[in-house]
Amino acid sequence: MDIDALRAETPACANRLHFNNAGASLMPSPVYRALTEHIAKEAEIGGYEAEAAAADGLAAFYTEFAALLNADPSEIAFVENATRAWDMAFYGLPLKEGDRILTHASEYVSNYLAFLQLAEKRGVEIDLVPSDGSGQIDVEAMEGMITPRTRLVAITHVPTQGGLVNPAEEVGKIAKAHGLIYVLDACQSVGQMDIDVQKIGCDVLSGTGRKYLRGPRGTGFLYIRKALAEDTTPPFIDLRAATWSSDNGYDWAPGAKRFENWERYVAGQIGLGVAVRYARALGLPAIEARVAEISGALRDALSDLSGVTVQDLGAHKSGIVTFTKEGLHPQQVFEALSAQQMNTSVALTTSARLDMVPRGLTQGVSRASVHYFNTHDEVARFAAAVQAL
């Protein structure tokens, strides 16, 4: 992987040290060009006309994601963000009073709020699977918690508040053996890891364009297995999701299209397709190896610093690196590093209270995530800056 060439495709890299939160990952030049060229076309000939002219780019979104995830294009939907993609699938599942949901303390806040709301509205029940010694979901304990009323297992693959990578494939084997629906939030993993929905065995997978895929903000995607899509009723409907086939009736669109909106961010869909093509050209195994190398180096460097504690969990770790600095609030760390042109972020307790509060992380953590364009020299510079705070 030619890091210098990659950085040349991302001019902003030269101006700031981007150890960010993977929530504003830098956009490569090909993605930027695809995005701005379509917007320019809208200004030139009009939105409908520009969309018609971009039919190939819009179609490529589905084929690129299908190739990325090892899915069928009919199982892919374009949605405006990761949370809405997850919501469209989750709220459409046939869950009823007394049904039980298995999840883990690392689950993302928006997802857990949805569990709580469904518990309130439909009477479903939430079972929290304990962690194993590494901090990831305990798959043996999970299997032992399955009851005749268990219908769903829903976990976050790479939680937002630390380096943990949950064992998604092992969870999938148990879910399949017990006939459970398996929903995987892959918002932070798609683009930094080689994801194969067939190997993982998930029925639903959701994510965003703006993180490790380096796509436009305001874009997201949903994978839903064909058989489940046909049995799922999305919570919202419009003329993209269904056809008004009679005065008093309608027919759902086949497959994942029933989860889409007719009105959409066309330039964003095109740009996200280009971002996926860009990642696939680099190769996801190579990207995953590079992210693991740089994040490992960063954890090692931070661990060597006086007064700094790396807070990441998991037997296998991601590119999201979290730490605390003794005597400083994470917000103070963020502000001080930002003044030195170093991008970081703060993960607050409210993002994952069931995980962070028991660990005593009541003030949150500093998050300094890496991507393949980061270098070992940047790791050394960053560690020195943190030590000097």
Protein backbone atom coordinates (compact mmCIF):
# COMPACT_ATOMS: atom_id res chain seq x y z
CA MET A 1 0.00 0.00 0.00
CA ASP A 2 1.58 3.29 -1.15
CA ILE A 3 0.85 5.65 1.74
CA ASP A 4 2.38 8.67 -0.01
CA ALA A 5 0.08 8.17 -3.00
CA LEU A 6 -2.92 7.81 -0.71
CA ARG A 7 -2.04 11.00 1.10
CA ALA A 8 -1.70 12.81 -2.21
CA GLU A 9 -5.33 11.87 -2.87
CA THR A 10 -6.23 13.56 0.42
CA PRO A 11 -4.66 17.05 0.35
CA ALA A 12 -5.88 18.01 3.83
CA CYS A 13 -3.56 15.39 5.32
CA ALA A 14 -0.67 17.79 4.82
CA ASN A 15 -2.27 20.45 7.00
CA ARG A 16 -3.50 18.56 10.06
CA LEU A 17 -2.62 15.41 11.92
CA HIS A 18 -5.82 13.44 11.52
CA PHE A 19 -6.16 11.07 14.44
CA ASN A 20 -9.88 11.58 14.34
CA ASN A 21 -12.96 9.78 15.56
CA ALA A 22 -13.56 8.00 12.26
CA GLY A 23 -16.66 10.17 12.24
CA ALA A 24 -15.24 12.76 9.89
CA SER A 25 -12.75 10.69 7.96
CA LEU A 26 -11.03 12.58 5.18
CA MET A 27 -12.61 12.30 1.75
CA PRO A 28 -10.37 11.06 -1.10
CA SER A 29 -10.14 13.26 -4.19
CA PRO A 30 -12.05 10.81 -6.48
CA VAL A 31 -15.00 10.88 -4.08
CA TYR A 32 -14.88 14.66 -3.82
CA ARG A 33 -14.83 14.97 -7.61
CA ALA A 34 -17.78 12.61 -8.06
CA LEU A 35 -19.76 14.54 -5.46
CA THR A 36 -19.03 18.03 -6.75
CA GLU A 37 -19.35 17.12 -10.42
CA HIS A 38 -22.88 15.85 -9.86
CA ILE A 39 -23.85 18.94 -7.85
CA ALA A 40 -22.46 21.10 -10.66
CA LYS A 41 -24.57 19.10 -13.12
CA GLU A 42 -27.67 19.75 -11.01
CA ALA A 43 -26.93 23.47 -11.17
CA GLU A 44 -26.40 23.25 -14.92
CA ILE A 45 -29.36 21.15 -16.11
CA GLY A 46 -31.59 20.52 -13.05
CA GLY A 47 -31.92 17.84 -10.40
CA TYR A 48 -34.15 15.37 -12.26
CA GLU A 49 -32.12 15.65 -15.43
CA ALA A 50 -28.83 15.22 -13.57
CA GLU A 51 -30.18 12.13 -11.82
CA ALA A 52 -31.24 10.59 -15.12
CA ALA A 53 -27.79 11.24 -16.56
CA ALA A 54 -26.20 9.57 -13.51
CA ALA A 55 -28.06 6.27 -13.83
CA ASP A 56 -24.84 4.25 -14.10
CA GLY A 57 -23.30 5.88 -11.02
CA LEU A 58 -26.45 5.28 -9.00
CA ALA A 59 -26.61 1.64 -10.07
CA ALA A 60 -22.92 1.19 -9.22
CA PHE A 61 -23.71 1.96 -5.57
CA TYR A 62 -25.59 -1.36 -5.29
CA THR A 63 -23.09 -3.50 -7.16
CA GLU A 64 -20.10 -2.00 -5.33
CA PHE A 65 -21.64 -2.60 -1.91
CA ALA A 66 -22.72 -6.10 -2.91
CA ALA A 67 -19.12 -6.89 -3.87
CA LEU A 68 -17.78 -5.26 -0.69
CA LEU A 69 -20.03 -7.25 1.65
CA ASN A 70 -20.44 -10.46 -0.40
CA ALA A 71 -24.15 -9.87 -0.87
CA ASP A 72 -26.62 -9.57 -3.72
CA PRO A 73 -27.35 -6.05 -5.07
CA SER A 74 -31.04 -6.60 -4.29
CA GLU A 75 -30.09 -6.87 -0.60
CA ILE A 76 -28.58 -3.37 -0.48
CA ALA A 77 -30.42 -0.12 0.26
CA PHE A 78 -29.26 3.49 0.24
CA VAL A 79 -30.35 5.28 3.42
CA GLU A 80 -29.46 8.76 4.64
CA ASN A 81 -27.42 7.65 7.66
CA ALA A 82 -26.43 4.60 9.68
CA THR A 83 -28.94 5.08 12.48
CA ARG A 84 -31.87 5.47 10.11
CA ALA A 85 -30.72 2.38 8.19
CA TRP A 86 -30.65 0.39 11.44
CA ASP A 87 -34.01 1.84 12.52
CA MET A 88 -35.74 1.00 9.24
CA ALA A 89 -34.84 -2.67 9.69
CA PHE A 90 -35.22 -2.97 13.46
CA TYR A 91 -38.61 -1.26 13.78
CA GLY A 92 -39.93 -3.39 10.92
CA LEU A 93 -39.11 -6.72 12.56
CA PRO A 94 -42.11 -8.81 13.70
CA LEU A 95 -41.37 -8.48 17.44
CA LYS A 96 -44.27 -8.72 19.89
CA GLU A 97 -44.97 -8.67 23.60
CA GLY A 98 -42.82 -11.12 25.53
CA ASP A 99 -40.21 -11.52 22.80
CA ARG A 100 -36.66 -11.19 24.06
CA ILE A 101 -33.68 -9.30 22.62
CA LEU A 102 -30.09 -10.33 23.37
CA THR A 103 -27.53 -7.53 23.32
CA HIS A 104 -24.31 -6.39 25.05
CA ALA A 105 -23.21 -3.48 27.22
CA SER A 106 -21.14 -2.10 24.35
CA GLU A 107 -24.27 -1.47 22.25
CA TYR A 108 -24.52 2.00 20.69
CA VAL A 109 -26.76 4.49 22.47
CA SER A 110 -29.24 4.99 19.60
CA ASN A 111 -29.77 1.26 19.27
CA TYR A 112 -30.28 0.73 22.99
CA LEU A 113 -32.75 3.61 23.11
CA ALA A 114 -34.70 1.80 20.39
CA PHE A 115 -34.73 -1.36 22.54
CA LEU A 116 -36.06 0.66 25.46
CA GLN A 117 -38.74 2.27 23.31
CA LEU A 118 -39.88 -1.08 21.92
CA ALA A 119 -39.95 -2.49 25.45
CA GLU A 120 -42.23 0.38 26.39
CA LYS A 121 -44.48 0.20 23.33
CA ARG A 122 -44.62 -3.52 22.50
CA GLY A 123 -43.57 -5.18 25.73
CA VAL A 124 -40.40 -6.82 24.42
CA GLU A 125 -37.73 -7.68 26.98
CA ILE A 126 -33.98 -6.96 26.90
CA ASP A 127 -31.38 -9.49 28.03
CA LEU A 128 -27.88 -8.08 28.55
CA VAL A 129 -25.19 -10.65 27.79
CA PRO A 130 -22.14 -10.31 30.09
CA SER A 131 -18.62 -9.65 28.87
CA ASP A 132 -15.86 -12.21 28.86
CA GLY A 133 -12.45 -11.54 30.38
CA SER A 134 -11.39 -9.38 27.43
CA GLY A 135 -14.47 -7.16 27.56
CA GLN A 136 -16.18 -8.50 24.43
CA ILE A 137 -19.55 -10.24 24.39
CA ASP A 138 -19.31 -13.64 26.06
CA VAL A 139 -20.59 -15.99 23.37
CA GLU A 140 -20.86 -19.00 25.69
CA ALA A 141 -22.93 -17.00 28.17
CA MET A 142 -25.03 -15.69 25.29
CA GLU A 143 -25.96 -19.19 24.16
CA GLY A 144 -26.90 -20.12 27.70
CA MET A 145 -29.30 -17.13 27.90
CA ILE A 146 -31.37 -18.12 24.87
CA THR A 147 -34.96 -19.01 25.79
CA PRO A 148 -37.98 -20.10 23.71
CA ARG A 149 -39.00 -16.40 23.62
CA THR A 150 -35.64 -15.12 22.34
CA ARG A 151 -36.16 -13.74 18.85
CA LEU A 152 -33.27 -11.38 18.16
CA VAL A 153 -29.61 -10.82 18.87
CA ALA A 154 -28.38 -7.30 18.12
CA ILE A 155 -24.83 -6.11 18.75
CA THR A 156 -22.43 -3.41 17.62
CA HIS A 157 -19.44 -4.86 15.80
CA VAL A 158 -16.98 -2.07 16.69
CA PRO A 159 -18.36 0.11 19.49
CA THR A 160 -17.89 3.86 19.30
CA GLN A 161 -16.29 4.17 22.75
CA GLY A 162 -13.20 1.99 22.38
CA GLY A 163 -11.05 -0.38 20.38
CA LEU A 164 -13.19 -3.44 21.05
CA VAL A 165 -14.15 -5.69 18.14
CA ASN A 166 -17.00 -7.99 19.07
CA PRO A 167 -16.76 -11.58 17.73
CA ALA A 168 -19.44 -11.12 15.10
CA GLU A 169 -18.87 -14.42 13.30
CA GLU A 170 -19.08 -16.48 16.51
CA VAL A 171 -22.31 -14.68 17.44
CA GLY A 172 -23.65 -15.46 13.98
CA LYS A 173 -23.05 -19.19 14.38
CA ILE A 174 -25.06 -19.25 17.60
CA ALA A 175 -27.84 -17.11 16.14
CA LYS A 176 -28.16 -19.42 13.15
CA ALA A 177 -28.14 -22.57 15.29
CA HIS A 178 -31.08 -21.24 17.32
CA GLY A 179 -33.00 -19.62 14.46
CA LEU A 180 -32.56 -16.07 15.77
CA ILE A 181 -32.64 -12.87 13.73
CA TYR A 182 -29.17 -11.29 13.85
CA VAL A 183 -28.77 -7.50 13.50
CA LEU A 184 -25.22 -6.13 13.31
CA ASP A 185 -24.35 -2.44 13.61
CA ALA A 186 -21.22 -2.19 11.44
CA CYS A 187 -21.02 1.60 11.40
CA GLN A 188 -17.38 1.65 12.56
CA SER A 189 -16.18 -1.60 10.97
CA VAL A 190 -17.12 -1.37 7.29
CA GLY A 191 -14.21 0.30 5.53
CA GLN A 192 -11.53 -0.62 8.08
CA MET A 193 -12.17 -4.39 8.16
CA ASP A 194 -12.83 -7.07 5.57
CA ILE A 195 -16.55 -7.72 6.09
CA ASP A 196 -18.34 -10.75 4.63
CA VAL A 197 -22.01 -11.04 5.58
CA GLN A 198 -22.07 -14.70 4.55
CA LYS A 199 -19.24 -15.59 6.94
CA ILE A 200 -20.65 -13.43 9.73
CA GLY A 201 -24.13 -14.83 9.23
CA CYS A 202 -25.98 -11.62 10.01
CA ASP A 203 -29.45 -10.99 8.63
CA VAL A 204 -29.16 -7.20 8.87
CA LEU A 205 -26.07 -4.98 8.67
CA SER A 206 -26.09 -1.18 8.75
CA GLY A 207 -23.43 1.48 8.34
CA THR A 208 -22.48 4.96 7.24
CA GLY A 209 -20.55 6.51 4.40
CA ARG A 210 -18.70 9.16 6.38
CA LYS A 211 -16.51 7.02 8.60
CA TYR A 212 -13.94 4.44 7.50
CA LEU A 213 -15.31 4.27 3.96
CA ARG A 214 -14.32 7.96 3.59
CA GLY A 215 -17.56 8.79 1.78
CA PRO A 216 -19.84 11.84 1.98
CA ARG A 217 -21.68 12.83 5.11
CA GLY A 218 -25.44 12.33 4.91
CA THR A 219 -25.11 8.84 3.42
CA GLY A 220 -25.71 5.39 4.84
CA PHE A 221 -26.46 1.86 3.73
CA LEU A 222 -28.43 -1.17 4.77
CA TYR A 223 -27.89 -4.84 4.00
CA ILE A 224 -30.84 -7.13 4.68
CA ARG A 225 -31.00 -10.76 3.72
CA LYS A 226 -33.57 -11.48 0.98
CA ALA A 227 -35.74 -13.84 2.97
CA LEU A 228 -35.96 -11.47 5.94
CA ALA A 229 -36.65 -8.43 3.77
CA GLU A 230 -39.79 -10.04 2.39
CA ASP A 231 -41.08 -10.66 5.94
CA THR A 232 -40.23 -7.19 7.27
CA THR A 233 -42.57 -4.19 7.21
CA PRO A 234 -40.59 -0.93 7.32
CA PRO A 235 -41.97 1.73 9.69
CA PHE A 236 -42.16 4.34 6.90
CA ILE A 237 -43.44 4.03 3.35
CA ASP A 238 -43.34 6.12 0.19
CA LEU A 239 -43.51 5.65 -3.57
CA ARG A 240 -39.97 4.23 -3.67
CA ALA A 241 -40.77 1.63 -1.01
CA ALA A 242 -44.09 0.55 -2.47
CA THR A 243 -46.43 0.84 -5.47
CA TRP A 244 -49.97 2.14 -5.05
CA SER A 245 -51.45 -0.76 -6.96
CA SER A 246 -55.18 -0.24 -6.31
CA ASP A 247 -57.44 2.36 -4.75
CA ASN A 248 -57.21 0.65 -1.38
CA GLY A 249 -54.04 -1.35 -1.67
CA TYR A 250 -50.30 -1.25 -2.32
CA ASP A 251 -47.44 -3.65 -3.03
CA TRP A 252 -44.10 -3.44 -1.29
CA ALA A 253 -41.00 -3.09 -3.44
CA PRO A 254 -39.00 -6.32 -3.57
CA GLY A 255 -35.91 -6.82 -1.42
CA ALA A 256 -34.06 -3.98 0.23
CA LYS A 257 -35.63 -1.26 -1.95
CA ARG A 258 -38.63 -1.19 0.40
CA PHE A 259 -36.35 0.49 2.96
CA GLU A 260 -35.44 3.41 0.70
CA ASN A 261 -36.92 6.87 0.12
CA TRP A 262 -37.77 8.24 -3.30
CA GLU A 263 -36.26 11.63 -2.40
CA ARG A 264 -32.58 11.11 -1.72
CA TYR A 265 -29.13 12.68 -1.73
CA VAL A 266 -28.28 11.64 -5.27
CA ALA A 267 -24.78 13.13 -5.29
CA GLY A 268 -24.12 11.40 -1.97
CA GLN A 269 -25.21 8.01 -3.28
CA ILE A 270 -22.92 8.39 -6.28
CA GLY A 271 -20.04 9.56 -4.07
CA LEU A 272 -20.49 6.69 -1.64
CA GLY A 273 -20.39 4.20 -4.49
CA VAL A 274 -17.09 5.75 -5.61
CA ALA A 275 -15.77 5.55 -2.02
CA VAL A 276 -16.53 1.83 -1.92
CA ARG A 277 -14.85 1.31 -5.28
CA TYR A 278 -11.80 3.22 -3.97
CA ALA A 279 -11.60 1.02 -0.85
CA ARG A 280 -12.02 -2.16 -2.86
CA ALA A 281 -9.24 -1.09 -5.22
CA LEU A 282 -6.89 -0.72 -2.25
CA GLY A 283 -8.10 -4.06 -0.88
CA LEU A 284 -9.89 -4.49 2.42
CA PRO A 285 -7.42 -7.09 3.76
CA ALA A 286 -4.58 -4.62 3.13
CA ILE A 287 -6.56 -1.79 4.73
CA GLU A 288 -7.37 -3.93 7.78
CA ALA A 289 -3.73 -4.93 8.21
CA ARG A 290 -2.52 -1.33 7.89
CA VAL A 291 -5.09 -0.01 10.39
CA ALA A 292 -4.13 -2.77 12.85
CA GLU A 293 -0.44 -1.91 12.45
CA ILE A 294 -0.85 1.83 13.03
CA SER A 295 -3.41 1.52 15.85
CA GLY A 296 -1.18 -1.03 17.59
CA ALA A 297 1.74 1.36 17.36
CA LEU A 298 -0.39 4.17 18.77
CA ARG A 299 -1.57 2.05 21.71
CA ASP A 300 2.01 1.06 22.46
CA ALA A 301 3.20 4.68 22.32
CA LEU A 302 0.40 5.94 24.57
CA SER A 303 0.88 3.08 27.03
CA ASP A 304 4.48 4.17 27.54
CA LEU A 305 3.45 7.67 28.64
CA SER A 306 3.31 8.70 32.27
CA GLY A 307 -0.22 9.45 33.47
CA VAL A 308 -1.86 8.08 30.30
CA THR A 309 -4.07 4.98 30.32
CA VAL A 310 -5.26 3.25 27.15
CA GLN A 311 -8.89 2.27 27.78
CA ASP A 312 -9.50 -0.16 24.91
CA LEU A 313 -11.03 -3.58 25.49
CA GLY A 314 -11.23 -6.76 23.43
CA ALA A 315 -9.21 -9.77 22.35
CA HIS A 316 -9.05 -8.20 18.89
CA LYS A 317 -8.86 -4.42 18.56
CA SER A 318 -9.90 -1.91 15.92
CA GLY A 319 -8.52 1.39 14.69
CA ILE A 320 -10.44 3.31 17.37
CA VAL A 321 -7.94 4.13 20.13
CA THR A 322 -9.21 5.55 23.43
CA PHE A 323 -7.27 6.85 26.40
CA THR A 324 -7.44 9.05 29.49
CA LYS A 325 -4.86 11.56 30.70
CA GLU A 326 -4.51 11.90 34.46
CA GLY A 327 -5.71 15.27 35.75
CA LEU A 328 -7.33 16.33 32.48
CA HIS A 329 -10.91 16.06 31.27
CA PRO A 330 -11.17 14.55 27.76
CA GLN A 331 -12.63 17.85 26.56
CA GLN A 332 -9.47 19.63 27.72
CA VAL A 333 -7.36 17.09 25.85
CA PHE A 334 -9.45 17.63 22.73
CA GLU A 335 -9.10 21.42 22.88
CA ALA A 336 -5.37 21.36 23.55
CA LEU A 337 -4.64 18.96 20.70
CA SER A 338 -6.96 20.78 18.32
CA ALA A 339 -4.94 23.96 18.94
CA GLN A 340 -1.94 21.99 17.66
CA GLN A 341 -3.78 20.94 14.48
CA MET A 342 -4.39 17.42 15.74
CA ASN A 343 -7.85 15.96 15.22
CA THR A 344 -9.28 13.89 18.07
CA SER A 345 -12.70 13.61 19.70
CA VAL A 346 -14.40 12.86 23.00
CA ALA A 347 -16.53 9.75 23.63
CA LEU A 348 -18.97 10.65 26.39
CA THR A 349 -20.48 8.29 28.93
CA THR A 350 -23.91 8.98 27.42
CA SER A 351 -22.77 7.13 24.28
CA ALA A 352 -22.50 3.81 26.11
CA ARG A 353 -23.36 4.16 29.78
CA LEU A 354 -23.77 0.41 30.41
CA ASP A 355 -20.13 -0.06 29.39
CA MET A 356 -18.39 3.09 30.57
CA VAL A 357 -19.98 3.75 33.97
CA PRO A 358 -19.05 0.33 35.43
CA ARG A 359 -15.47 0.96 34.28
CA GLY A 360 -15.38 4.29 36.11
CA LEU A 361 -15.15 6.32 32.90
CA THR A 362 -17.72 8.85 34.06
CA GLN A 363 -16.01 11.75 32.29
CA GLY A 364 -15.67 9.87 29.03
CA VAL A 365 -12.50 9.12 27.08
CA SER A 366 -10.32 10.75 24.46
CA ARG A 367 -10.60 9.06 21.10
CA ALA A 368 -7.73 9.14 18.63
CA SER A 369 -8.60 6.85 15.75
CA VAL A 370 -6.33 6.01 12.85
CA HIS A 371 -6.77 5.10 9.23
CA TYR A 372 -4.49 3.65 6.58
CA PHE A 373 -3.14 7.08 5.59
CA ASN A 374 -1.64 7.68 9.04
CA THR A 375 2.09 7.08 9.56
CA HIS A 376 4.45 5.96 12.32
CA ASP A 377 5.98 9.46 12.36
CA GLU A 378 2.53 10.84 13.14
CA VAL A 379 2.15 8.33 15.98
CA ALA A 380 5.39 9.61 17.52
CA ARG A 381 4.35 13.25 17.10
CA PHE A 382 0.97 12.60 18.64
CA ALA A 383 2.39 10.71 21.63
CA ALA A 384 4.82 13.55 22.29
CA ALA A 385 1.99 16.08 22.19
CA VAL A 386 -0.11 14.04 24.64
CA GLN A 387 2.83 13.66 27.00
CA ALA A 388 3.41 17.41 26.96
CA LEU A 389 -0.16 18.29 27.94
